[in-house]
PDB file of N, CA and C in Angstrom:
ATOM      1  N   UNK A   1      57.603 121.116  62.747  1.00  0.00           N
ATOM      2  CA  UNK A   1      58.471 121.282  63.902  1.00  0.00           C
ATOM      3  C   UNK A   1      58.824 122.750  64.041  1.00  0.00           C
ATOM      4  N   UNK A   2      58.828 123.281  65.262  1.00  0.00           N
ATOM      5  CA  UNK A   2      59.088 124.689  65.516  1.00  0.00           C
ATOM      6  C   UNK A   2      60.539 125.029  65.254  1.00  0.00           C
ATOM      7  N   UNK A   3      60.765 126.249  64.747  1.00  0.00           N
ATOM      8  CA  UNK A   3      62.130 126.697  64.508  1.00  0.00           C
ATOM      9  C   UNK A   3      62.766 127.234  65.782  1.00  0.00           C
ATOM     10  N   UNK A   4      61.978 127.396  66.849  1.00  0.00           N
ATOM     11  CA  UNK A   4      62.516 127.876  68.116  1.00  0.00           C
ATOM     12  C   UNK A   4      63.162 126.708  68.861  1.00  0.00           C
ATOM     13  N   UNK A   5      64.358 126.908  69.427  1.00  0.00           N
ATOM     14  CA  UNK A   5      64.979 125.826  70.190  1.00  0.00           C
ATOM     15  C   UNK A   5      64.218 125.591  71.486  1.00  0.00           C
ATOM     16  N   UNK A   6      64.210 124.346  71.929  1.00  0.00           N
ATOM     17  CA  UNK A   6      63.553 124.052  73.203  1.00  0.00           C
ATOM     18  C   UNK A   6      64.369 124.663  74.328  1.00  0.00           C
ATOM     19  N   UNK A   7      63.727 124.869  75.465  1.00  0.00           N
ATOM     20  CA  UNK A   7      64.423 125.491  76.590  1.00  0.00           C
ATOM     21  C   UNK A   7      65.603 124.643  77.050  1.00  0.00           C
ATOM     22  N   UNK A   8      65.523 123.339  76.851  1.00  0.00           N
ATOM     23  CA  UNK A   8      66.619 122.469  77.270  1.00  0.00           C
ATOM     24  C   UNK A   8      67.843 122.656  76.384  1.00  0.00           C
ATOM     25  N   UNK A   9      67.649 123.165  75.167  1.00  0.00           N
ATOM     26  CA  UNK A   9      68.764 123.322  74.249  1.00  0.00           C
ATOM     27  C   UNK A   9      69.343 124.731  74.237  1.00  0.00           C
ATOM     28  N   UNK A  10      68.669 125.672  74.840  1.00  0.00           N
ATOM     29  CA  UNK A  10      69.162 127.047  74.845  1.00  0.00           C
ATOM     30  C   UNK A  10      70.391 127.161  75.717  1.00  0.00           C
ATOM     31  N   UNK A  11      71.251 128.096  75.338  1.00  0.00           N
ATOM     32  CA  UNK A  11      72.427 128.380  76.152  1.00  0.00           C
ATOM     33  C   UNK A  11      71.976 128.997  77.462  1.00  0.00           C
ATOM     34  N   UNK A  12      72.652 128.688  78.566  1.00  0.00           N
ATOM     35  CA  UNK A  12      72.254 129.288  79.838  1.00  0.00           C
ATOM     36  C   UNK A  12      72.412 130.805  79.785  1.00  0.00           C
ATOM     37  N   UNK A  13      71.484 131.484  80.414  1.00  0.00           N
ATOM     38  CA  UNK A  13      71.540 132.944  80.441  1.00  0.00           C
ATOM     39  C   UNK A  13      72.726 133.391  81.272  1.00  0.00           C
ATOM     40  N   UNK A  14      73.293 134.529  80.881  1.00  0.00           N
ATOM     41  CA  UNK A  14      74.381 135.082  81.678  1.00  0.00           C
ATOM     42  C   UNK A  14      73.848 135.468  83.038  1.00  0.00           C
ATOM     43  N   UNK A  15      74.691 135.273  84.058  1.00  0.00           N
ATOM     44  CA  UNK A  15      74.271 135.667  85.389  1.00  0.00           C
ATOM     45  C   UNK A  15      74.278 137.177  85.485  1.00  0.00           C
ATOM     46  N   UNK A  16      73.267 137.748  86.133  1.00  0.00           N
ATOM     47  CA  UNK A  16      73.255 139.194  86.315  1.00  0.00           C
ATOM     48  C   UNK A  16      74.470 139.639  87.116  1.00  0.00           C
ATOM     49  N   UNK A  17      74.902 140.865  86.896  1.00  0.00           N
ATOM     50  CA  UNK A  17      76.108 141.366  87.560  1.00  0.00           C
ATOM     51  C   UNK A  17      75.929 141.525  89.059  1.00  0.00           C
ATOM     52  N   UNK A  18      74.684 141.553  89.551  1.00  0.00           N
ATOM     53  CA  UNK A  18      74.459 141.771  90.970  1.00  0.00           C
ATOM     54  C   UNK A  18      74.559 140.496  91.793  1.00  0.00           C
ATOM     55  N   UNK A  19      74.710 139.348  91.155  1.00  0.00           N
ATOM     56  CA  UNK A  19      74.798 138.079  91.881  1.00  0.00           C
ATOM     57  C   UNK A  19      76.214 137.925  92.432  1.00  0.00           C
ATOM     58  N   UNK A  20      76.304 137.542  93.722  1.00  0.00           N
ATOM     59  CA  UNK A  20      77.611 137.312  94.335  1.00  0.00           C
ATOM     60  C   UNK A  20      78.268 136.095  93.700  1.00  0.00           C
ATOM     61  N   UNK A  21      79.531 136.221  93.352  1.00  0.00           N
ATOM     62  CA  UNK A  21      80.263 135.122  92.741  1.00  0.00           C
ATOM     63  C   UNK A  21      80.620 134.051  93.767  1.00  0.00           C
ATOM     64  N   UNK A  22      80.710 134.437  95.022  1.00  0.00           N
ATOM     65  CA  UNK A  22      81.082 133.521  96.092  1.00  0.00           C
ATOM     66  C   UNK A  22      79.862 133.326  96.989  1.00  0.00           C
ATOM     67  N   UNK A  23      79.680 132.113  97.472  1.00  0.00           N
ATOM     68  CA  UNK A  23      78.560 131.833  98.365  1.00  0.00           C
ATOM     69  C   UNK A  23      78.643 132.735  99.590  1.00  0.00           C
ATOM     70  N   UNK A  24      77.497 133.277 100.032  1.00  0.00           N
ATOM     71  CA  UNK A  24      77.521 134.182 101.188  1.00  0.00           C
ATOM     72  C   UNK A  24      77.893 133.456 102.471  1.00  0.00           C
ATOM     73  N   UNK A  25      78.631 134.144 103.336  1.00  0.00           N
ATOM     74  CA  UNK A  25      79.003 133.605 104.632  1.00  0.00           C
ATOM     75  C   UNK A  25      77.862 133.741 105.623  1.00  0.00           C
ATOM     76  N   UNK A  26      78.047 133.183 106.814  1.00  0.00           N
ATOM     77  CA  UNK A  26      76.998 133.180 107.829  1.00  0.00           C
ATOM     78  C   UNK A  26      76.608 134.590 108.249  1.00  0.00           C
ATOM     79  N   UNK A  27      77.549 135.518 108.373  1.00  0.00           N
ATOM     80  CA  UNK A  27      77.221 136.896 108.764  1.00  0.00           C
ATOM     81  C   UNK A  27      76.291 137.539 107.742  1.00  0.00           C
ATOM     82  N   UNK A  28      76.607 137.349 106.481  1.00  0.00           N
ATOM     83  CA  UNK A  28      75.781 137.915 105.417  1.00  0.00           C
ATOM     84  C   UNK A  28      74.392 137.279 105.404  1.00  0.00           C
ATOM     85  N   UNK A  29      74.343 135.967 105.583  1.00  0.00           N
ATOM     86  CA  UNK A  29      73.052 135.273 105.613  1.00  0.00           C
ATOM     87  C   UNK A  29      72.200 135.721 106.801  1.00  0.00           C
ATOM     88  N   UNK A  30      72.812 135.882 107.968  1.00  0.00           N
ATOM     89  CA  UNK A  30      72.077 136.338 109.152  1.00  0.00           C
ATOM     90  C   UNK A  30      71.537 137.755 108.952  1.00  0.00           C
ATOM     91  N   UNK A  31      72.347 138.627 108.356  1.00  0.00           N
ATOM     92  CA  UNK A  31      71.902 139.998 108.102  1.00  0.00           C
ATOM     93  C   UNK A  31      70.756 140.012 107.102  1.00  0.00           C
ATOM     94  N   UNK A  32      70.869 139.220 106.044  1.00  0.00           N
ATOM     95  CA  UNK A  32      69.801 139.141 105.040  1.00  0.00           C
ATOM     96  C   UNK A  32      68.522 138.577 105.654  1.00  0.00           C
ATOM     97  N   UNK A  33      68.650 137.553 106.491  1.00  0.00           N
ATOM     98  CA  UNK A  33      67.475 136.963 107.140  1.00  0.00           C
ATOM     99  C   UNK A  33      66.817 137.978 108.071  1.00  0.00           C
ATOM    100  N   UNK A  34      67.614 138.795 108.739  1.00  0.00           N
ATOM    101  CA  UNK A  34      67.065 139.833 109.607  1.00  0.00           C
ATOM    102  C   UNK A  34      66.243 140.845 108.819  1.00  0.00           C
ATOM    103  N   UNK A  35      66.735 141.231 107.657  1.00  0.00           N
ATOM    104  CA  UNK A  35      65.984 142.145 106.797  1.00  0.00           C
ATOM    105  C   UNK A  35      64.680 141.506 106.354  1.00  0.00           C
ATOM    106  N   UNK A  36      64.735 140.257 105.941  1.00  0.00           N
ATOM    107  CA  UNK A  36      63.526 139.571 105.497  1.00  0.00           C
ATOM    108  C   UNK A  36      62.529 139.392 106.639  1.00  0.00           C
ATOM    109  N   UNK A  37      63.021 139.186 107.861  1.00  0.00           N
ATOM    110  CA  UNK A  37      62.110 139.097 109.011  1.00  0.00           C
ATOM    111  C   UNK A  37      61.359 140.410 109.205  1.00  0.00           C
ATOM    112  N   UNK A  38      62.028 141.523 108.992  1.00  0.00           N
ATOM    113  CA  UNK A  38      61.369 142.820 109.138  1.00  0.00           C
ATOM    114  C   UNK A  38      60.310 143.014 108.058  1.00  0.00           C
ATOM    115  N   UNK A  39      60.514 142.446 106.884  1.00  0.00           N
ATOM    116  CA  UNK A  39      59.541 142.554 105.802  1.00  0.00           C
ATOM    117  C   UNK A  39      58.415 141.539 105.940  1.00  0.00           C
ATOM    118  N   UNK A  40      58.571 140.563 106.829  1.00  0.00           N
ATOM    119  CA  UNK A  40      57.627 139.448 106.915  1.00  0.00           C
ATOM    120  C   UNK A  40      56.339 139.771 107.663  1.00  0.00           C
ATOM    121  N   UNK A  41      56.183 141.004 108.122  1.00  0.00           N
ATOM    122  CA  UNK A  41      54.966 141.400 108.825  1.00  0.00           C
ATOM    123  C   UNK A  41      54.195 142.346 107.898  1.00  0.00           C
ATOM    124  N   UNK A  42      52.923 142.064 107.588  1.00  0.00           N
ATOM    125  CA  UNK A  42      52.188 142.846 106.580  1.00  0.00           C
ATOM    126  C   UNK A  42      52.142 144.350 106.827  1.00  0.00           C
ATOM    127  N   UNK A  43      51.948 144.784 108.063  1.00  0.00           N
ATOM    128  CA  UNK A  43      51.898 146.232 108.312  1.00  0.00           C
ATOM    129  C   UNK A  43      53.251 146.871 108.059  1.00  0.00           C
ATOM    130  N   UNK A  44      54.327 146.226 108.508  1.00  0.00           N
ATOM    131  CA  UNK A  44      55.668 146.782 108.248  1.00  0.00           C
ATOM    132  C   UNK A  44      55.956 146.812 106.757  1.00  0.00           C
ATOM    133  N   UNK A  45      55.580 145.753 106.052  1.00  0.00           N
ATOM    134  CA  UNK A  45      55.805 145.729 104.612  1.00  0.00           C
ATOM    135  C   UNK A  45      55.024 146.854 103.934  1.00  0.00           C
ATOM    136  N   UNK A  46      53.794 147.079 104.377  1.00  0.00           N
ATOM    137  CA  UNK A  46      52.988 148.164 103.813  1.00  0.00           C
ATOM    138  C   UNK A  46      53.642 149.520 104.104  1.00  0.00           C
ATOM    139  N   UNK A  47      54.144 149.709 105.318  1.00  0.00           N
ATOM    140  CA  UNK A  47      54.842 150.948 105.656  1.00  0.00           C
ATOM    141  C   UNK A  47      56.067 151.140 104.773  1.00  0.00           C
ATOM    142  N   UNK A  48      56.834 150.090 104.592  1.00  0.00           N
ATOM    143  CA  UNK A  48      58.024 150.186 103.746  1.00  0.00           C
ATOM    144  C   UNK A  48      57.648 150.462 102.296  1.00  0.00           C
ATOM    145  N   UNK A  49      56.578 149.838 101.828  1.00  0.00           N
ATOM    146  CA  UNK A  49      56.129 150.109 100.452  1.00  0.00           C
ATOM    147  C   UNK A  49      55.750 151.577 100.314  1.00  0.00           C
ATOM    148  N   UNK A  50      55.032 152.102 101.301  1.00  0.00           N
ATOM    149  CA  UNK A  50      54.665 153.522 101.274  1.00  0.00           C
ATOM    150  C   UNK A  50      55.918 154.400 101.253  1.00  0.00           C
ATOM    151  N   UNK A  51      56.897 154.070 102.071  1.00  0.00           N
ATOM    152  CA  UNK A  51      58.125 154.866 102.124  1.00  0.00           C
ATOM    153  C   UNK A  51      58.963 154.712 100.861  1.00  0.00           C
ATOM    154  N   UNK A  52      58.806 153.599 100.167  1.00  0.00           N
ATOM    155  CA  UNK A  52      59.495 153.431  98.886  1.00  0.00           C
ATOM    156  C   UNK A  52      58.959 154.419  97.851  1.00  0.00           C
ATOM    157  N   UNK A  53      57.746 154.930  98.082  1.00  0.00           N
ATOM    158  CA  UNK A  53      57.153 155.925  97.183  1.00  0.00           C
ATOM    159  C   UNK A  53      57.669 157.328  97.498  1.00  0.00           C
ATOM    160  N   UNK A  54      58.230 157.513  98.697  1.00  0.00           N
ATOM    161  CA  UNK A  54      58.763 158.810  99.096  1.00  0.00           C
ATOM    162  C   UNK A  54      58.613 159.021 100.593  1.00  0.00           C
ATOM    163  N   UNK A  55      59.328 160.013 101.131  1.00  0.00           N
ATOM    164  CA  UNK A  55      59.269 160.294 102.569  1.00  0.00           C
ATOM    165  C   UNK A  55      57.858 160.655 103.019  1.00  0.00           C
ATOM    166  N   UNK A  56      57.536 160.270 104.275  1.00  0.00           N
ATOM    167  CA  UNK A  56      56.206 160.536 104.822  1.00  0.00           C
ATOM    168  C   UNK A  56      56.286 160.728 106.333  1.00  0.00           C
ATOM    169  N   UNK A  57      55.305 161.449 106.861  1.00  0.00           N
ATOM    170  CA  UNK A  57      55.168 161.615 108.308  1.00  0.00           C
ATOM    171  C   UNK A  57      54.394 160.426 108.878  1.00  0.00           C
ATOM    172  N   UNK A  58      54.398 160.315 110.209  1.00  0.00           N
ATOM    173  CA  UNK A  58      53.618 159.268 110.866  1.00  0.00           C
ATOM    174  C   UNK A  58      52.136 159.447 110.544  1.00  0.00           C
ATOM    175  N   UNK A  59      51.679 160.672 110.533  1.00  0.00           N
ATOM    176  CA  UNK A  59      50.267 160.938 110.220  1.00  0.00           C
ATOM    177  C   UNK A  59      49.920 160.458 108.819  1.00  0.00           C
ATOM    178  N   UNK A  60      50.767 160.766 107.842  1.00  0.00           N
ATOM    179  CA  UNK A  60      50.516 160.313 106.469  1.00  0.00           C
ATOM    180  C   UNK A  60      50.521 158.793 106.396  1.00  0.00           C
ATOM    181  N   UNK A  61      51.472 158.165 107.075  1.00  0.00           N
ATOM    182  CA  UNK A  61      51.562 156.700 107.053  1.00  0.00           C
ATOM    183  C   UNK A  61      50.358 156.059 107.738  1.00  0.00           C
ATOM    184  N   UNK A  62      49.889 156.668 108.809  1.00  0.00           N
ATOM    185  CA  UNK A  62      48.711 156.155 109.512  1.00  0.00           C
ATOM    186  C   UNK A  62      47.507 156.119 108.583  1.00  0.00           C
ATOM    187  N   UNK A  63      47.335 157.186 107.815  1.00  0.00           N
ATOM    188  CA  UNK A  63      46.222 157.248 106.859  1.00  0.00           C
ATOM    189  C   UNK A  63      46.421 156.222 105.749  1.00  0.00           C
ATOM    190  N   UNK A  64      47.627 156.159 105.198  1.00  0.00           N
ATOM    191  CA  UNK A  64      47.903 155.286 104.046  1.00  0.00           C
ATOM    192  C   UNK A  64      47.736 153.802 104.376  1.00  0.00           C
ATOM    193  N   UNK A  65      48.167 153.389 105.557  1.00  0.00           N
ATOM    194  CA  UNK A  65      48.087 151.963 105.894  1.00  0.00           C
ATOM    195  C   UNK A  65      46.840 151.618 106.697  1.00  0.00           C
ATOM    196  N   UNK A  66      46.039 152.655 107.010  1.00  0.00           N
ATOM    197  CA  UNK A  66      44.776 152.459 107.722  1.00  0.00           C
ATOM    198  C   UNK A  66      44.978 151.661 109.013  1.00  0.00           C
ATOM    199  N   UNK A  67      45.931 152.151 109.819  1.00  0.00           N
ATOM    200  CA  UNK A  67      46.240 151.502 111.093  1.00  0.00           C
ATOM    201  C   UNK A  67      46.309 152.569 112.186  1.00  0.00           C
ATOM    202  N   UNK A  68      46.062 152.173 113.423  1.00  0.00           N
ATOM    203  CA  UNK A  68      46.162 153.135 114.520  1.00  0.00           C
ATOM    204  C   UNK A  68      47.568 153.719 114.633  1.00  0.00           C
ATOM    205  N   UNK A  69      47.636 154.965 115.055  1.00  0.00           N
ATOM    206  CA  UNK A  69      48.914 155.669 115.170  1.00  0.00           C
ATOM    207  C   UNK A  69      49.901 154.912 116.062  1.00  0.00           C
ATOM    208  N   UNK A  70      49.407 154.338 117.166  1.00  0.00           N
ATOM    209  CA  UNK A  70      50.308 153.611 118.062  1.00  0.00           C
ATOM    210  C   UNK A  70      50.931 152.403 117.367  1.00  0.00           C
ATOM    211  N   UNK A  71      50.137 151.712 116.555  1.00  0.00           N
ATOM    212  CA  UNK A  71      50.638 150.546 115.817  1.00  0.00           C
ATOM    213  C   UNK A  71      51.692 150.991 114.806  1.00  0.00           C
ATOM    214  N   UNK A  72      51.392 152.041 114.050  1.00  0.00           N
ATOM    215  CA  UNK A  72      52.337 152.560 113.058  1.00  0.00           C
ATOM    216  C   UNK A  72      53.627 153.001 113.740  1.00  0.00           C
ATOM    217  N   UNK A  73      53.500 153.707 114.843  1.00  0.00           N
ATOM    218  CA  UNK A  73      54.691 154.186 115.561  1.00  0.00           C
ATOM    219  C   UNK A  73      55.546 153.026 116.069  1.00  0.00           C
ATOM    220  N   UNK A  74      54.916 151.971 116.588  1.00  0.00           N
ATOM    221  CA  UNK A  74      55.672 150.813 117.070  1.00  0.00           C
ATOM    222  C   UNK A  74      56.425 150.130 115.936  1.00  0.00           C
ATOM    223  N   UNK A  75      55.759 149.967 114.795  1.00  0.00           N
ATOM    224  CA  UNK A  75      56.432 149.333 113.656  1.00  0.00           C
ATOM    225  C   UNK A  75      57.560 150.217 113.128  1.00  0.00           C
ATOM    226  N   UNK A  76      57.322 151.511 113.064  1.00  0.00           N
ATOM    227  CA  UNK A  76      58.372 152.428 112.598  1.00  0.00           C
ATOM    228  C   UNK A  76      59.577 152.400 113.538  1.00  0.00           C
ATOM    229  N   UNK A  77      59.335 152.277 114.830  1.00  0.00           N
ATOM    230  CA  UNK A  77      60.435 152.187 115.787  1.00  0.00           C
ATOM    231  C   UNK A  77      61.279 150.937 115.524  1.00  0.00           C
ATOM    232  N   UNK A  78      60.628 149.816 115.267  1.00  0.00           N
ATOM    233  CA  UNK A  78      61.358 148.580 114.950  1.00  0.00           C
ATOM    234  C   UNK A  78      62.161 148.738 113.667  1.00  0.00           C
ATOM    235  N   UNK A  79      61.535 149.335 112.654  1.00  0.00           N
ATOM    236  CA  UNK A  79      62.222 149.535 111.376  1.00  0.00           C
ATOM    237  C   UNK A  79      63.410 150.485 111.532  1.00  0.00           C
ATOM    238  N   UNK A  80      63.234 151.479 112.362  1.00  0.00           N
ATOM    239  CA  UNK A  80      64.322 152.428 112.597  1.00  0.00           C
ATOM    240  C   UNK A  80      65.465 151.748 113.341  1.00  0.00           C
ATOM    241  N   UNK A  81      65.144 150.989 114.397  1.00  0.00           N
ATOM    242  CA  UNK A  81      66.180 150.277 115.156  1.00  0.00           C
ATOM    243  C   UNK A  81      66.930 149.268 114.291  1.00  0.00           C
ATOM    244  N   UNK A  82      66.233 148.684 113.330  1.00  0.00           N
ATOM    245  CA  UNK A  82      66.879 147.708 112.448  1.00  0.00           C
ATOM    246  C   UNK A  82      67.708 148.383 111.360  1.00  0.00           C
ATOM    247  N   UNK A  83      67.623 149.700 111.264  1.00  0.00           N
ATOM    248  CA  UNK A  83      68.410 150.434 110.274  1.00  0.00           C
ATOM    249  C   UNK A  83      67.779 150.492 108.895  1.00  0.00           C
ATOM    250  N   UNK A  84      66.515 150.093 108.787  1.00  0.00           N
ATOM    251  CA  UNK A  84      65.869 150.081 107.476  1.00  0.00           C
ATOM    252  C   UNK A  84      65.234 151.416 107.100  1.00  0.00           C
ATOM    253  N   UNK A  85      64.901 152.242 108.085  1.00  0.00           N
ATOM    254  CA  UNK A  85      64.323 153.554 107.783  1.00  0.00           C
ATOM    255  C   UNK A  85      65.152 154.649 108.449  1.00  0.00           C
ATOM    256  N   UNK A  86      65.116 155.813 107.834  1.00  0.00           N
ATOM    257  CA  UNK A  86      65.776 156.999 108.366  1.00  0.00           C
ATOM    258  C   UNK A  86      64.718 157.981 108.836  1.00  0.00           C
ATOM    259  N   UNK A  87      65.113 158.884 109.724  1.00  0.00           N
ATOM    260  CA  UNK A  87      64.210 159.940 110.168  1.00  0.00           C
ATOM    261  C   UNK A  87      64.933 161.277 110.109  1.00  0.00           C
ATOM    262  N   UNK A  88      64.115 162.313 109.959  1.00  0.00           N
ATOM    263  CA  UNK A  88      64.613 163.681 110.093  1.00  0.00           C
ATOM    264  C   UNK A  88      63.480 164.514 110.653  1.00  0.00           C
ATOM    265  N   UNK A  89      63.837 165.567 111.373  1.00  0.00           N
ATOM    266  CA  UNK A  89      62.850 166.469 111.967  1.00  0.00           C
ATOM    267  C   UNK A  89      62.534 167.579 110.977  1.00  0.00           C
ATOM    268  N   UNK A  90      61.258 167.931 110.914  1.00  0.00           N
ATOM    269  CA  UNK A  90      60.794 169.079 110.142  1.00  0.00           C
ATOM    270  C   UNK A  90      59.811 169.825 111.044  1.00  0.00           C
ATOM    271  N   UNK A  91      60.340 170.742 111.834  1.00  0.00           N
ATOM    272  CA  UNK A  91      59.508 171.408 112.830  1.00  0.00           C
ATOM    273  C   UNK A  91      59.098 170.409 113.891  1.00  0.00           C
ATOM    274  N   UNK A  92      57.792 170.258 114.084  1.00  0.00           N
ATOM    275  CA  UNK A  92      57.275 169.307 115.065  1.00  0.00           C
ATOM    276  C   UNK A  92      57.080 167.909 114.480  1.00  0.00           C
ATOM    277  N   UNK A  93      57.292 167.757 113.194  1.00  0.00           N
ATOM    278  CA  UNK A  93      57.042 166.484 112.524  1.00  0.00           C
ATOM    279  C   UNK A  93      58.336 165.685 112.349  1.00  0.00           C
ATOM    280  N   UNK A  94      58.192 164.373 112.423  1.00  0.00           N
ATOM    281  CA  UNK A  94      59.288 163.460 112.084  1.00  0.00           C
ATOM    282  C   UNK A  94      58.965 162.885 110.711  1.00  0.00           C
ATOM    283  N   UNK A  95      59.905 163.012 109.798  1.00  0.00           N
ATOM    284  CA  UNK A  95      59.739 162.498 108.444  1.00  0.00           C
ATOM    285  C   UNK A  95      60.522 161.189 108.328  1.00  0.00           C
ATOM    286  N   UNK A  96      59.842 160.138 107.899  1.00  0.00           N
ATOM    287  CA  UNK A  96      60.465 158.823 107.705  1.00  0.00           C
ATOM    288  C   UNK A  96      60.774 158.634 106.229  1.00  0.00           C
ATOM    289  N   UNK A  97      61.893 157.964 105.958  1.00  0.00           N
ATOM    290  CA  UNK A  97      62.274 157.723 104.562  1.00  0.00           C
ATOM    291  C   UNK A  97      63.145 156.471 104.468  1.00  0.00           C
ATOM    292  N   UNK A  98      63.305 156.020 103.236  1.00  0.00           N
ATOM    293  CA  UNK A  98      64.225 154.919 102.926  1.00  0.00           C
ATOM    294  C   UNK A  98      65.419 155.519 102.201  1.00  0.00           C
ATOM    295  N   UNK A  99      66.593 155.048 102.518  1.00  0.00           N
ATOM    296  CA  UNK A  99      67.805 155.573 101.893  1.00  0.00           C
ATOM    297  C   UNK A  99      68.509 154.536 101.015  1.00  0.00           C
ATOM    298  N   UNK A 100      68.018 153.330 101.019  1.00  0.00           N
ATOM    299  CA  UNK A 100      68.725 152.217 100.392  1.00  0.00           C
ATOM    300  C   UNK A 100      67.990 151.733  99.147  1.00  0.00           C
ATOM    301  N   UNK A 101      68.593 151.961  97.987  1.00  0.00           N
ATOM    302  CA  UNK A 101      67.996 151.515  96.733  1.00  0.00           C
ATOM    303  C   UNK A 101      67.797 150.011  96.674  1.00  0.00           C
ATOM    304  N   UNK A 102      68.688 149.261  97.313  1.00  0.00           N
ATOM    305  CA  UNK A 102      68.518 147.800  97.350  1.00  0.00           C
ATOM    306  C   UNK A 102      67.230 147.436  98.075  1.00  0.00           C
ATOM    307  N   UNK A 103      66.978 148.089  99.199  1.00  0.00           N
ATOM    308  CA  UNK A 103      65.767 147.809  99.974  1.00  0.00           C
ATOM    309  C   UNK A 103      64.524 148.210  99.184  1.00  0.00           C
ATOM    310  N   UNK A 104      64.569 149.346  98.536  1.00  0.00           N
ATOM    311  CA  UNK A 104      63.424 149.791  97.728  1.00  0.00           C
ATOM    312  C   UNK A 104      63.120 148.769  96.638  1.00  0.00           C
ATOM    313  N   UNK A 105      64.149 148.306  95.938  1.00  0.00           N
ATOM    314  CA  UNK A 105      63.938 147.304  94.884  1.00  0.00           C
ATOM    315  C   UNK A 105      63.447 145.976  95.461  1.00  0.00           C
ATOM    316  N   UNK A 106      63.944 145.599  96.639  1.00  0.00           N
ATOM    317  CA  UNK A 106      63.493 144.368  97.290  1.00  0.00           C
ATOM    318  C   UNK A 106      62.003 144.456  97.622  1.00  0.00           C
ATOM    319  N   UNK A 107      61.576 145.574  98.140  1.00  0.00           N
ATOM    320  CA  UNK A 107      60.159 145.775  98.459  1.00  0.00           C
ATOM    321  C   UNK A 107      59.324 145.727  97.191  1.00  0.00           C
ATOM    322  N   UNK A 108      59.757 146.438  96.160  1.00  0.00           N
ATOM    323  CA  UNK A 108      59.014 146.452  94.899  1.00  0.00           C
ATOM    324  C   UNK A 108      58.926 145.054  94.293  1.00  0.00           C
ATOM    325  N   UNK A 109      60.017 144.329  94.293  1.00  0.00           N
ATOM    326  CA  UNK A 109      60.017 142.979  93.723  1.00  0.00           C
ATOM    327  C   UNK A 109      59.180 142.023  94.566  1.00  0.00           C
ATOM    328  N   UNK A 110      59.196 142.197  95.890  1.00  0.00           N
ATOM    329  CA  UNK A 110      58.383 141.358  96.758  1.00  0.00           C
ATOM    330  C   UNK A 110      56.899 141.550  96.453  1.00  0.00           C
ATOM    331  N   UNK A 111      56.482 142.796  96.297  1.00  0.00           N
ATOM    332  CA  UNK A 111      55.086 143.085  95.970  1.00  0.00           C
ATOM    333  C   UNK A 111      54.757 142.571  94.566  1.00  0.00           C
ATOM    334  N   UNK A 112      55.664 142.760  93.618  1.00  0.00           N
ATOM    335  CA  UNK A 112      55.435 142.238  92.261  1.00  0.00           C
ATOM    336  C   UNK A 112      55.314 140.720  92.264  1.00  0.00           C
ATOM    337  N   UNK A 113      56.181 140.057  93.019  1.00  0.00           N
ATOM    338  CA  UNK A 113      56.125 138.593  93.126  1.00  0.00           C
ATOM    339  C   UNK A 113      54.779 138.153  93.705  1.00  0.00           C
ATOM    340  N   UNK A 114      54.342 138.832  94.776  1.00  0.00           N
ATOM    341  CA  UNK A 114      53.058 138.498  95.391  1.00  0.00           C
ATOM    342  C   UNK A 114      51.911 138.741  94.421  1.00  0.00           C
ATOM    343  N   UNK A 115      52.005 139.801  93.631  1.00  0.00           N
ATOM    344  CA  UNK A 115      50.966 140.098  92.647  1.00  0.00           C
ATOM    345  C   UNK A 115      50.834 138.949  91.648  1.00  0.00           C
ATOM    346  N   UNK A 116      51.949 138.400  91.209  1.00  0.00           N
ATOM    347  CA  UNK A 116      51.911 137.256  90.289  1.00  0.00           C
ATOM    348  C   UNK A 116      51.260 136.046  90.960  1.00  0.00           C
ATOM    349  N   UNK A 117      51.572 135.830  92.236  1.00  0.00           N
ATOM    350  CA  UNK A 117      50.993 134.693  92.962  1.00  0.00           C
ATOM    351  C   UNK A 117      49.486 134.868  93.126  1.00  0.00           C
ATOM    352  N   UNK A 118      49.049 136.083  93.434  1.00  0.00           N
ATOM    353  CA  UNK A 118      47.639 136.345  93.691  1.00  0.00           C
ATOM    354  C   UNK A 118      46.822 136.337  92.396  1.00  0.00           C
ATOM    355  N   UNK A 119      47.358 136.947  91.347  1.00  0.00           N
ATOM    356  CA  UNK A 119      46.603 137.077  90.101  1.00  0.00           C
ATOM    357  C   UNK A 119      46.769 135.883  89.175  1.00  0.00           C
ATOM    358  N   UNK A 120      47.784 135.053  89.407  1.00  0.00           N
ATOM    359  CA  UNK A 120      48.039 133.918  88.534  1.00  0.00           C
ATOM    360  C   UNK A 120      48.799 134.288  87.279  1.00  0.00           C
ATOM    361  N   UNK A 121      49.277 135.539  87.213  1.00  0.00           N
ATOM    362  CA  UNK A 121      50.072 135.950  86.054  1.00  0.00           C
ATOM    363  C   UNK A 121      51.334 135.097  86.000  1.00  0.00           C
ATOM    364  N   UNK A 122      51.719 134.644  84.825  1.00  0.00           N
ATOM    365  CA  UNK A 122      52.909 133.776  84.718  1.00  0.00           C
ATOM    366  C   UNK A 122      54.171 134.490  85.194  1.00  0.00           C
ATOM    367  N   UNK A 123      55.063 133.711  85.765  1.00  0.00           N
ATOM    368  CA  UNK A 123      56.340 134.273  86.202  1.00  0.00           C
ATOM    369  C   UNK A 123      57.195 134.602  84.991  1.00  0.00           C
ATOM    370  N   UNK A 124      58.134 135.493  85.197  1.00  0.00           N
ATOM    371  CA  UNK A 124      59.051 135.874  84.113  1.00  0.00           C
ATOM    372  C   UNK A 124      60.379 136.254  84.735  1.00  0.00           C
ATOM    373  N   UNK A 125      61.369 136.436  83.889  1.00  0.00           N
ATOM    374  CA  UNK A 125      62.710 136.829  84.395  1.00  0.00           C
ATOM    375  C   UNK A 125      62.814 138.305  84.507  1.00  0.00           C
TER     376      UNK A 125
END
């Protein structure tokens, strides 16, 4: 018989400090769903992943995501209107960036989760 306790007998893990102690209200749920809707389109998610690596111009993003400039610009406009990306001018160029560490971690975890689904790697905590 194994000396390791079965998972049913282990003490429950402590909840991470980032978990809300109170159930989220409708406003919070609607805002969270809006963010997830913006991530639910592959080109936008790819743009956000690129921006999670650091600030980039539209030209750089067009090359990185291998999409037409008009498509990239339209998605960036939606992301900007939703408040998920920031812009600043550098001469004639507009530099896009992410300012929210929560969003960066959400994007990274979303890609990591998908990687586990695609590769069959076992899930972990």
